Amino acid sequence: MAKSNLTRKDLADAVADQLGLARTTCSDIVDAFFDSMKSTLTNGEPIKIVHFGTFTLRDKNPRNGRNPRTGESILIKKRQMVSFKPSKKLRERVNE
């Protein structure tokens, strides 16, 4: 059984099918949604989508790492990463 990724085009098609709008319009809606998410996270603010989950930024401390190709030790810099915590309803639905 081959698994595939859900793409922006798939999301736009689903919105178009459900709302009966043109695919280009729905593609613009999906792009605007993701642009809004990106700018919110870039500003350091969390995103909470009710009954879905919360996206937050998390600080990662610097640490020692190793280049797997050469075995050379390197320092991995301090950075931020996006973290997702699913809502209780989403967790329950996934685990059914």
PDB file of N, CA and C in Angstrom:
ATOM      1  N   MET A   1       0.843  -1.169   0.000  1.00  0.00           N
ATOM      2  CA  MET A   1       0.000   0.000   0.000  1.00  0.00           C
ATOM      3  C   MET A   1       0.893   1.240   0.000  1.00  0.00           C
ATOM      4  N   ALA A   2       0.827   2.020  -1.038  1.00  0.00           N
ATOM      5  CA  ALA A   2       1.649   3.219  -1.160  1.00  0.00           C
ATOM      6  C   ALA A   2       0.968   4.390  -0.453  1.00  0.00           C
ATOM      7  N   LYS A   3       1.753   5.112   0.341  1.00  0.00           N
ATOM      8  CA  LYS A   3       1.230   6.291   1.022  1.00  0.00           C
ATOM      9  C   LYS A   3       1.692   7.519   0.259  1.00  0.00           C
ATOM     10  N   SER A   4       0.849   8.527   0.234  1.00  0.00           N
ATOM     11  CA  SER A   4       1.239   9.760  -0.441  1.00  0.00           C
ATOM     12  C   SER A   4       1.062  10.926   0.515  1.00  0.00           C
ATOM     13  N   ASN A   5       1.707  12.013   0.197  1.00  0.00           N
ATOM     14  CA  ASN A   5       1.611  13.223   1.006  1.00  0.00           C
ATOM     15  C   ASN A   5       0.392  14.033   0.600  1.00  0.00           C
ATOM     16  N   LEU A   6      -0.138  14.770   1.551  1.00  0.00           N
ATOM     17  CA  LEU A   6      -1.209  15.714   1.273  1.00  0.00           C
ATOM     18  C   LEU A   6      -0.550  17.010   0.815  1.00  0.00           C
ATOM     19  N   THR A   7      -0.826  17.440  -0.393  1.00  0.00           N
ATOM     20  CA  THR A   7      -0.177  18.618  -0.960  1.00  0.00           C
ATOM     21  C   THR A   7      -1.099  19.829  -0.906  1.00  0.00           C
ATOM     22  N   ARG A   8      -0.517  20.993  -1.208  1.00  0.00           N
ATOM     23  CA  ARG A   8      -1.316  22.220  -1.271  1.00  0.00           C
ATOM     24  C   ARG A   8      -2.394  22.091  -2.344  1.00  0.00           C
ATOM     25  N   LYS A   9      -2.053  21.447  -3.435  1.00  0.00           N
ATOM     26  CA  LYS A   9      -3.029  21.248  -4.512  1.00  0.00           C
ATOM     27  C   LYS A   9      -4.191  20.382  -4.024  1.00  0.00           C
ATOM     28  N   ASP A  10      -3.885  19.334  -3.266  1.00  0.00           N
ATOM     29  CA  ASP A  10      -4.934  18.472  -2.703  1.00  0.00           C
ATOM     30  C   ASP A  10      -5.853  19.267  -1.780  1.00  0.00           C
ATOM     31  N   LEU A  11      -5.261  20.134  -0.958  1.00  0.00           N
ATOM     32  CA  LEU A  11      -6.065  20.968  -0.059  1.00  0.00           C
ATOM     33  C   LEU A  11      -6.953  21.922  -0.858  1.00  0.00           C
ATOM     34  N   ALA A  12      -6.386  22.554  -1.890  1.00  0.00           N
ATOM     35  CA  ALA A  12      -7.161  23.477  -2.721  1.00  0.00           C
ATOM     36  C   ALA A  12      -8.304  22.732  -3.419  1.00  0.00           C
ATOM     37  N   ASP A  13      -8.036  21.525  -3.895  1.00  0.00           N
ATOM     38  CA  ASP A  13      -9.080  20.726  -4.546  1.00  0.00           C
ATOM     39  C   ASP A  13     -10.201  20.370  -3.562  1.00  0.00           C
ATOM     40  N   ALA A  14      -9.836  20.032  -2.340  1.00  0.00           N
ATOM     41  CA  ALA A  14     -10.844  19.693  -1.330  1.00  0.00           C
ATOM     42  C   ALA A  14     -11.707  20.904  -0.992  1.00  0.00           C
ATOM     43  N   VAL A  15     -11.092  22.079  -0.872  1.00  0.00           N
ATOM     44  CA  VAL A  15     -11.853  23.307  -0.597  1.00  0.00           C
ATOM     45  C   VAL A  15     -12.779  23.606  -1.772  1.00  0.00           C
ATOM     46  N   ALA A  16     -12.275  23.458  -2.985  1.00  0.00           N
ATOM     47  CA  ALA A  16     -13.087  23.721  -4.175  1.00  0.00           C
ATOM     48  C   ALA A  16     -14.278  22.772  -4.257  1.00  0.00           C
ATOM     49  N   ASP A  17     -14.048  21.502  -3.951  1.00  0.00           N
ATOM     50  CA  ASP A  17     -15.140  20.525  -3.995  1.00  0.00           C
ATOM     51  C   ASP A  17     -16.201  20.831  -2.940  1.00  0.00           C
ATOM     52  N   GLN A  18     -15.752  21.262  -1.767  1.00  0.00           N
ATOM     53  CA  GLN A  18     -16.705  21.500  -0.686  1.00  0.00           C
ATOM     54  C   GLN A  18     -17.454  22.825  -0.843  1.00  0.00           C
ATOM     55  N   LEU A  19     -16.772  23.856  -1.351  1.00  0.00           N
ATOM     56  CA  LEU A  19     -17.407  25.173  -1.445  1.00  0.00           C
ATOM     57  C   LEU A  19     -17.947  25.489  -2.833  1.00  0.00           C
ATOM     58  N   GLY A  20     -17.552  24.720  -3.826  1.00  0.00           N
ATOM     59  CA  GLY A  20     -18.029  24.965  -5.177  1.00  0.00           C
ATOM     60  C   GLY A  20     -17.412  26.194  -5.826  1.00  0.00           C
ATOM     61  N   LEU A  21     -16.225  26.585  -5.380  1.00  0.00           N
ATOM     62  CA  LEU A  21     -15.531  27.739  -5.955  1.00  0.00           C
ATOM     63  C   LEU A  21     -14.517  27.270  -6.990  1.00  0.00           C
ATOM     64  N   ALA A  22     -13.986  28.219  -7.753  1.00  0.00           N
ATOM     65  CA  ALA A  22     -12.976  27.906  -8.754  1.00  0.00           C
ATOM     66  C   ALA A  22     -11.705  27.405  -8.067  1.00  0.00           C
ATOM     67  N   ARG A  23     -11.007  26.486  -8.713  1.00  0.00           N
ATOM     68  CA  ARG A  23      -9.793  25.912  -8.135  1.00  0.00           C
ATOM     69  C   ARG A  23      -8.714  26.973  -7.914  1.00  0.00           C
ATOM     70  N   THR A  24      -8.605  27.947  -8.805  1.00  0.00           N
ATOM     71  CA  THR A  24      -7.602  29.001  -8.630  1.00  0.00           C
ATOM     72  C   THR A  24      -7.917  29.852  -7.409  1.00  0.00           C
ATOM     73  N   THR A  25      -9.192  30.135  -7.187  1.00  0.00           N
ATOM     74  CA  THR A  25      -9.604  30.900  -6.007  1.00  0.00           C
ATOM     75  C   THR A  25      -9.270  30.119  -4.737  1.00  0.00           C
ATOM     76  N   CYS A  26      -9.560  28.836  -4.746  1.00  0.00           N
ATOM     77  CA  CYS A  26      -9.284  27.998  -3.578  1.00  0.00           C
ATOM     78  C   CYS A  26      -7.788  27.848  -3.342  1.00  0.00           C
ATOM     79  N   SER A  27      -7.017  27.813  -4.408  1.00  0.00           N
ATOM     80  CA  SER A  27      -5.573  27.762  -4.279  1.00  0.00           C
ATOM     81  C   SER A  27      -5.054  29.032  -3.605  1.00  0.00           C
ATOM     82  N   ASP A  28      -5.627  30.176  -3.973  1.00  0.00           N
ATOM     83  CA  ASP A  28      -5.254  31.443  -3.340  1.00  0.00           C
ATOM     84  C   ASP A  28      -5.641  31.454  -1.859  1.00  0.00           C
ATOM     85  N   ILE A  29      -6.784  30.857  -1.518  1.00  0.00           N
ATOM     86  CA  ILE A  29      -7.227  30.784  -0.123  1.00  0.00           C
ATOM     87  C   ILE A  29      -6.245  29.945   0.695  1.00  0.00           C
ATOM     88  N   VAL A  30      -5.863  28.791   0.170  1.00  0.00           N
ATOM     89  CA  VAL A  30      -4.923  27.908   0.869  1.00  0.00           C
ATOM     90  C   VAL A  30      -3.571  28.609   1.034  1.00  0.00           C
ATOM     91  N   ASP A  31      -3.100  29.280  -0.017  1.00  0.00           N
ATOM     92  CA  ASP A  31      -1.827  30.007   0.067  1.00  0.00           C
ATOM     93  C   ASP A  31      -1.896  31.119   1.105  1.00  0.00           C
ATOM     94  N   ALA A  32      -3.016  31.841   1.152  1.00  0.00           N
ATOM     95  CA  ALA A  32      -3.179  32.918   2.129  1.00  0.00           C
ATOM     96  C   ALA A  32      -3.177  32.360   3.553  1.00  0.00           C
ATOM     97  N   PHE A  33      -3.798  31.211   3.747  1.00  0.00           N
ATOM     98  CA  PHE A  33      -3.825  30.556   5.062  1.00  0.00           C
ATOM     99  C   PHE A  33      -2.403  30.219   5.516  1.00  0.00           C
ATOM    100  N   PHE A  34      -1.621  29.593   4.643  1.00  0.00           N
ATOM    101  CA  PHE A  34      -0.254  29.221   5.004  1.00  0.00           C
ATOM    102  C   PHE A  34       0.640  30.445   5.182  1.00  0.00           C
ATOM    103  N   ASP A  35       0.442  31.483   4.376  1.00  0.00           N
ATOM    104  CA  ASP A  35       1.213  32.720   4.543  1.00  0.00           C
ATOM    105  C   ASP A  35       0.930  33.350   5.903  1.00  0.00           C
ATOM    106  N   SER A  36      -0.335  33.317   6.310  1.00  0.00           N
ATOM    107  CA  SER A  36      -0.719  33.850   7.615  1.00  0.00           C
ATOM    108  C   SER A  36      -0.074  33.042   8.734  1.00  0.00           C
ATOM    109  N   MET A  37      -0.044  31.721   8.595  1.00  0.00           N
ATOM    110  CA  MET A  37       0.592  30.872   9.593  1.00  0.00           C
ATOM    111  C   MET A  37       2.088  31.175   9.678  1.00  0.00           C
ATOM    112  N   LYS A  38       2.729  31.304   8.519  1.00  0.00           N
ATOM    113  CA  LYS A  38       4.170  31.583   8.499  1.00  0.00           C
ATOM    114  C   LYS A  38       4.496  32.904   9.177  1.00  0.00           C
ATOM    115  N   SER A  39       3.728  33.937   8.858  1.00  0.00           N
ATOM    116  CA  SER A  39       4.028  35.253   9.439  1.00  0.00           C
ATOM    117  C   SER A  39       3.769  35.258  10.943  1.00  0.00           C
ATOM    118  N   THR A  40       2.747  34.561  11.400  1.00  0.00           N
ATOM    119  CA  THR A  40       2.458  34.483  12.834  1.00  0.00           C
ATOM    120  C   THR A  40       3.593  33.775  13.575  1.00  0.00           C
ATOM    121  N   LEU A  41       4.051  32.640  13.045  1.00  0.00           N
ATOM    122  CA  LEU A  41       5.146  31.917  13.688  1.00  0.00           C
ATOM    123  C   LEU A  41       6.446  32.709  13.616  1.00  0.00           C
ATOM    124  N   THR A  42       6.675  33.403  12.519  1.00  0.00           N
ATOM    125  CA  THR A  42       7.875  34.221  12.364  1.00  0.00           C
ATOM    126  C   THR A  42       7.912  35.328  13.410  1.00  0.00           C
ATOM    127  N   ASN A  43       6.743  35.831  13.793  1.00  0.00           N
ATOM    128  CA  ASN A  43       6.651  36.863  14.828  1.00  0.00           C
ATOM    129  C   ASN A  43       6.760  36.280  16.240  1.00  0.00           C
ATOM    130  N   GLY A  44       6.899  34.967  16.348  1.00  0.00           N
ATOM    131  CA  GLY A  44       7.059  34.326  17.642  1.00  0.00           C
ATOM    132  C   GLY A  44       5.769  34.030  18.368  1.00  0.00           C
ATOM    133  N   GLU A  45       4.642  34.153  17.688  1.00  0.00           N
ATOM    134  CA  GLU A  45       3.343  33.916  18.313  1.00  0.00           C
ATOM    135  C   GLU A  45       2.874  32.488  18.045  1.00  0.00           C
ATOM    136  N   PRO A  46       2.201  31.866  19.018  1.00  0.00           N
ATOM    137  CA  PRO A  46       1.659  30.524  18.788  1.00  0.00           C
ATOM    138  C   PRO A  46       0.387  30.579  17.935  1.00  0.00           C
ATOM    139  N   ILE A  47       0.062  29.452  17.316  1.00  0.00           N
ATOM    140  CA  ILE A  47      -1.168  29.329  16.523  1.00  0.00           C
ATOM    141  C   ILE A  47      -1.996  28.221  17.139  1.00  0.00           C
ATOM    142  N   LYS A  48      -3.216  28.556  17.552  1.00  0.00           N
ATOM    143  CA  LYS A  48      -4.112  27.552  18.123  1.00  0.00           C
ATOM    144  C   LYS A  48      -5.299  27.392  17.189  1.00  0.00           C
ATOM    145  N   ILE A  49      -5.481  26.175  16.679  1.00  0.00           N
ATOM    146  CA  ILE A  49      -6.620  25.850  15.827  1.00  0.00           C
ATOM    147  C   ILE A  49      -7.493  24.891  16.631  1.00  0.00           C
ATOM    148  N   VAL A  50      -8.665  25.367  17.022  1.00  0.00           N
ATOM    149  CA  VAL A  50      -9.560  24.604  17.895  1.00  0.00           C
ATOM    150  C   VAL A  50      -9.913  23.268  17.247  1.00  0.00           C
ATOM    151  N   HIS A  51      -9.905  22.218  18.045  1.00  0.00           N
ATOM    152  CA  HIS A  51     -10.195  20.836  17.640  1.00  0.00           C
ATOM    153  C   HIS A  51      -9.149  20.278  16.686  1.00  0.00           C
ATOM    154  N   PHE A  52      -8.011  20.951  16.524  1.00  0.00           N
ATOM    155  CA  PHE A  52      -6.928  20.432  15.689  1.00  0.00           C
ATOM    156  C   PHE A  52      -5.627  20.379  16.474  1.00  0.00           C
ATOM    157  N   GLY A  53      -5.154  21.538  16.960  1.00  0.00           N
ATOM    158  CA  GLY A  53      -3.921  21.537  17.732  1.00  0.00           C
ATOM    159  C   GLY A  53      -3.287  22.912  17.807  1.00  0.00           C
ATOM    160  N   THR A  54      -2.088  22.957  18.397  1.00  0.00           N
ATOM    161  CA  THR A  54      -1.378  24.200  18.600  1.00  0.00           C
ATOM    162  C   THR A  54       0.033  24.104  18.039  1.00  0.00           C
ATOM    163  N   PHE A  55       0.426  25.113  17.254  1.00  0.00           N
ATOM    164  CA  PHE A  55       1.778  25.238  16.739  1.00  0.00           C
ATOM    165  C   PHE A  55       2.491  26.289  17.583  1.00  0.00           C
ATOM    166  N   THR A  56       3.672  25.948  18.098  1.00  0.00           N
ATOM    167  CA  THR A  56       4.452  26.898  18.878  1.00  0.00           C
ATOM    168  C   THR A  56       5.907  26.834  18.432  1.00  0.00           C
ATOM    169  N   LEU A  57       6.662  27.875  18.795  1.00  0.00           N
ATOM    170  CA  LEU A  57       8.101  27.869  18.581  1.00  0.00           C
ATOM    171  C   LEU A  57       8.770  27.383  19.844  1.00  0.00           C
ATOM    172  N   ARG A  58       9.773  26.546  19.685  1.00  0.00           N
ATOM    173  CA  ARG A  58      10.502  25.997  20.818  1.00  0.00           C
ATOM    174  C   ARG A  58      11.984  26.271  20.621  1.00  0.00           C
ATOM    175  N   ASP A  59      12.646  26.729  21.671  1.00  0.00           N
ATOM    176  CA  ASP A  59      14.083  26.988  21.602  1.00  0.00           C
ATOM    177  C   ASP A  59      14.852  25.683  21.799  1.00  0.00           C
ATOM    178  N   LYS A  60      15.859  25.477  20.963  1.00  0.00           N
ATOM    179  CA  LYS A  60      16.751  24.323  21.098  1.00  0.00           C
ATOM    180  C   LYS A  60      18.121  24.862  21.501  1.00  0.00           C
ATOM    181  N   ASN A  61      18.687  24.322  22.556  1.00  0.00           N
ATOM    182  CA  ASN A  61      20.000  24.741  23.030  1.00  0.00           C
ATOM    183  C   ASN A  61      21.095  24.205  22.107  1.00  0.00           C
ATOM    184  N   PRO A  62      22.256  24.871  22.111  1.00  0.00           N
ATOM    185  CA  PRO A  62      23.365  24.338  21.315  1.00  0.00           C
ATOM    186  C   PRO A  62      23.824  23.000  21.894  1.00  0.00           C
ATOM    187  N   ARG A  63      24.333  22.140  21.020  1.00  0.00           N
ATOM    188  CA  ARG A  63      24.797  20.832  21.480  1.00  0.00           C
ATOM    189  C   ARG A  63      25.880  20.320  20.551  1.00  0.00           C
ATOM    190  N   ASN A  64      26.607  19.340  21.018  1.00  0.00           N
ATOM    191  CA  ASN A  64      27.634  18.719  20.199  1.00  0.00           C
ATOM    192  C   ASN A  64      26.991  17.680  19.301  1.00  0.00           C
ATOM    193  N   GLY A  65      27.453  17.632  18.066  1.00  0.00           N
ATOM    194  CA  GLY A  65      26.966  16.648  17.118  1.00  0.00           C
ATOM    195  C   GLY A  65      28.128  16.034  16.375  1.00  0.00           C
ATOM    196  N   ARG A  66      27.823  15.166  15.421  1.00  0.00           N
ATOM    197  CA  ARG A  66      28.873  14.497  14.673  1.00  0.00           C
ATOM    198  C   ARG A  66      28.449  14.403  13.219  1.00  0.00           C
ATOM    199  N   ASN A  67      29.368  14.721  12.324  1.00  0.00           N
ATOM    200  CA  ASN A  67      29.118  14.552  10.902  1.00  0.00           C
ATOM    201  C   ASN A  67      29.176  13.054  10.613  1.00  0.00           C
ATOM    202  N   PRO A  68      28.069  12.433  10.180  1.00  0.00           N
ATOM    203  CA  PRO A  68      28.072  10.978   9.989  1.00  0.00           C
ATOM    204  C   PRO A  68      28.998  10.526   8.857  1.00  0.00           C
ATOM    205  N   ARG A  69      29.275  11.402   7.923  1.00  0.00           N
ATOM    206  CA  ARG A  69      30.128  11.036   6.798  1.00  0.00           C
ATOM    207  C   ARG A  69      31.602  10.985   7.189  1.00  0.00           C
ATOM    208  N   THR A  70      32.022  12.021   7.940  1.00  0.00           N
ATOM    209  CA  THR A  70      33.451  12.129   8.266  1.00  0.00           C
ATOM    210  C   THR A  70      33.766  11.749   9.705  1.00  0.00           C
ATOM    211  N   GLY A  71      32.775  11.725  10.562  1.00  0.00           N
ATOM    212  CA  GLY A  71      32.997  11.439  11.973  1.00  0.00           C
ATOM    213  C   GLY A  71      33.482  12.655  12.749  1.00  0.00           C
ATOM    214  N   GLU A  72      33.591  13.800  12.077  1.00  0.00           N
ATOM    215  CA  GLU A  72      34.077  15.031  12.699  1.00  0.00           C
ATOM    216  C   GLU A  72      33.041  15.577  13.681  1.00  0.00           C
ATOM    217  N   SER A  73      33.517  16.011  14.860  1.00  0.00           N
ATOM    218  CA  SER A  73      32.637  16.630  15.847  1.00  0.00           C
ATOM    219  C   SER A  73      32.339  18.066  15.434  1.00  0.00           C
ATOM    220  N   ILE A  74      31.085  18.467  15.586  1.00  0.00           N
ATOM    221  CA  ILE A  74      30.685  19.834  15.261  1.00  0.00           C
ATOM    222  C   ILE A  74      29.768  20.351  16.357  1.00  0.00           C
ATOM    223  N   LEU A  75      29.642  21.667  16.434  1.00  0.00           N
ATOM    224  CA  LEU A  75      28.719  22.288  17.379  1.00  0.00           C
ATOM    225  C   LEU A  75      27.460  22.678  16.614  1.00  0.00           C
ATOM    226  N   ILE A  76      26.332  22.152  17.037  1.00  0.00           N
ATOM    227  CA  ILE A  76      25.051  22.515  16.439  1.00  0.00           C
ATOM    228  C   ILE A  76      24.565  23.751  17.169  1.00  0.00           C
ATOM    229  N   LYS A  77      24.318  24.817  16.421  1.00  0.00           N
ATOM    230  CA  LYS A  77      23.991  26.118  17.002  1.00  0.00           C
ATOM    231  C   LYS A  77      22.620  26.132  17.676  1.00  0.00           C
ATOM    232  N   LYS A  78      22.452  27.121  18.552  1.00  0.00           N
ATOM    233  CA  LYS A  78      21.155  27.372  19.177  1.00  0.00           C
ATOM    234  C   LYS A  78      20.176  27.766  18.073  1.00  0.00           C
ATOM    235  N   ARG A  79      18.955  27.246  18.142  1.00  0.00           N
ATOM    236  CA  ARG A  79      17.983  27.535  17.090  1.00  0.00           C
ATOM    237  C   ARG A  79      16.570  27.385  17.634  1.00  0.00           C
ATOM    238  N   GLN A  80      15.607  27.759  16.808  1.00  0.00           N
ATOM    239  CA  GLN A  80      14.204  27.569  17.144  1.00  0.00           C
ATOM    240  C   GLN A  80      13.610  26.558  16.176  1.00  0.00           C
ATOM    241  N   MET A  81      12.613  25.835  16.660  1.00  0.00           N
ATOM    242  CA  MET A  81      11.914  24.889  15.800  1.00  0.00           C
ATOM    243  C   MET A  81      10.414  24.993  16.059  1.00  0.00           C
ATOM    244  N   VAL A  82       9.648  24.609  15.066  1.00  0.00           N
ATOM    245  CA  VAL A  82       8.191  24.612  15.202  1.00  0.00           C
ATOM    246  C   VAL A  82       7.777  23.296  15.842  1.00  0.00           C
ATOM    247  N   SER A  83       6.937  23.397  16.854  1.00  0.00           N
ATOM    248  CA  SER A  83       6.437  22.231  17.566  1.00  0.00           C
ATOM    249  C   SER A  83       4.916  22.198  17.411  1.00  0.00           C
ATOM    250  N   PHE A  84       4.366  20.992  17.239  1.00  0.00           N
ATOM    251  CA  PHE A  84       2.921  20.829  17.109  1.00  0.00           C
ATOM    252  C   PHE A  84       2.418  19.920  18.218  1.00  0.00           C
ATOM    253  N   LYS A  85       1.382  20.380  18.909  1.00  0.00           N
ATOM    254  CA  LYS A  85       0.734  19.560  19.930  1.00  0.00           C
ATOM    255  C   LYS A  85      -0.709  19.359  19.492  1.00  0.00           C
ATOM    256  N   PRO A  86      -1.095  18.128  19.168  1.00  0.00           N
ATOM    257  CA  PRO A  86      -2.463  17.890  18.718  1.00  0.00           C
ATOM    258  C   PRO A  86      -3.469  18.075  19.844  1.00  0.00           C
ATOM    259  N   SER A  87      -4.693  18.458  19.465  1.00  0.00           N
ATOM    260  CA  SER A  87      -5.758  18.610  20.451  1.00  0.00           C
ATOM    261  C   SER A  87      -6.209  17.229  20.927  1.00  0.00           C
ATOM    262  N   LYS A  88      -6.924  17.223  22.032  1.00  0.00           N
ATOM    263  CA  LYS A  88      -7.426  15.966  22.584  1.00  0.00           C
ATOM    264  C   LYS A  88      -8.349  15.267  21.584  1.00  0.00           C
ATOM    265  N   LYS A  89      -9.209  16.050  20.920  1.00  0.00           N
ATOM    266  CA  LYS A  89     -10.142  15.453  19.956  1.00  0.00           C
ATOM    267  C   LYS A  89      -9.403  14.833  18.773  1.00  0.00           C
ATOM    268  N   LEU A  90      -8.345  15.494  18.288  1.00  0.00           N
ATOM    269  CA  LEU A  90      -7.573  14.945  17.169  1.00  0.00           C
ATOM    270  C   LEU A  90      -6.859  13.670  17.602  1.00  0.00           C
ATOM    271  N   ARG A  91      -6.256  13.678  18.790  1.00  0.00           N
ATOM    272  CA  ARG A  91      -5.571  12.474  19.291  1.00  0.00           C
ATOM    273  C   ARG A  91      -6.545  11.310  19.409  1.00  0.00           C
ATOM    274  N   GLU A  92      -7.734  11.573  19.940  1.00  0.00           N
ATOM    275  CA  GLU A  92      -8.736  10.505  20.084  1.00  0.00           C
ATOM    276  C   GLU A  92      -9.159   9.963  18.731  1.00  0.00           C
ATOM    277  N   ARG A  93      -9.348  10.853  17.766  1.00  0.00           N
ATOM    278  CA  ARG A  93      -9.797  10.419  16.436  1.00  0.00           C
ATOM    279  C   ARG A  93      -8.731   9.606  15.722  1.00  0.00           C
ATOM    280  N   VAL A  94      -7.467  10.014  15.864  1.00  0.00           N
ATOM    281  CA  VAL A  94      -6.364   9.279  15.236  1.00  0.00           C
ATOM    282  C   VAL A  94      -6.215   7.903  15.855  1.00  0.00           C
ATOM    283  N   ASN A  95      -6.446   7.807  17.149  1.00  0.00           N
ATOM    284  CA  ASN A  95      -6.248   6.545  17.866  1.00  0.00           C
ATOM    285  C   ASN A  95      -7.460   5.628  17.874  1.00  0.00           C
ATOM    286  N   GLU A  96      -8.521   5.986  17.167  1.00  0.00           N
ATOM    287  CA  GLU A  96      -9.710   5.116  17.094  1.00  0.00           C
ATOM    288  C   GLU A  96      -9.390   3.829  16.393  1.00  0.00           C
TER     289      GLU A  96
END
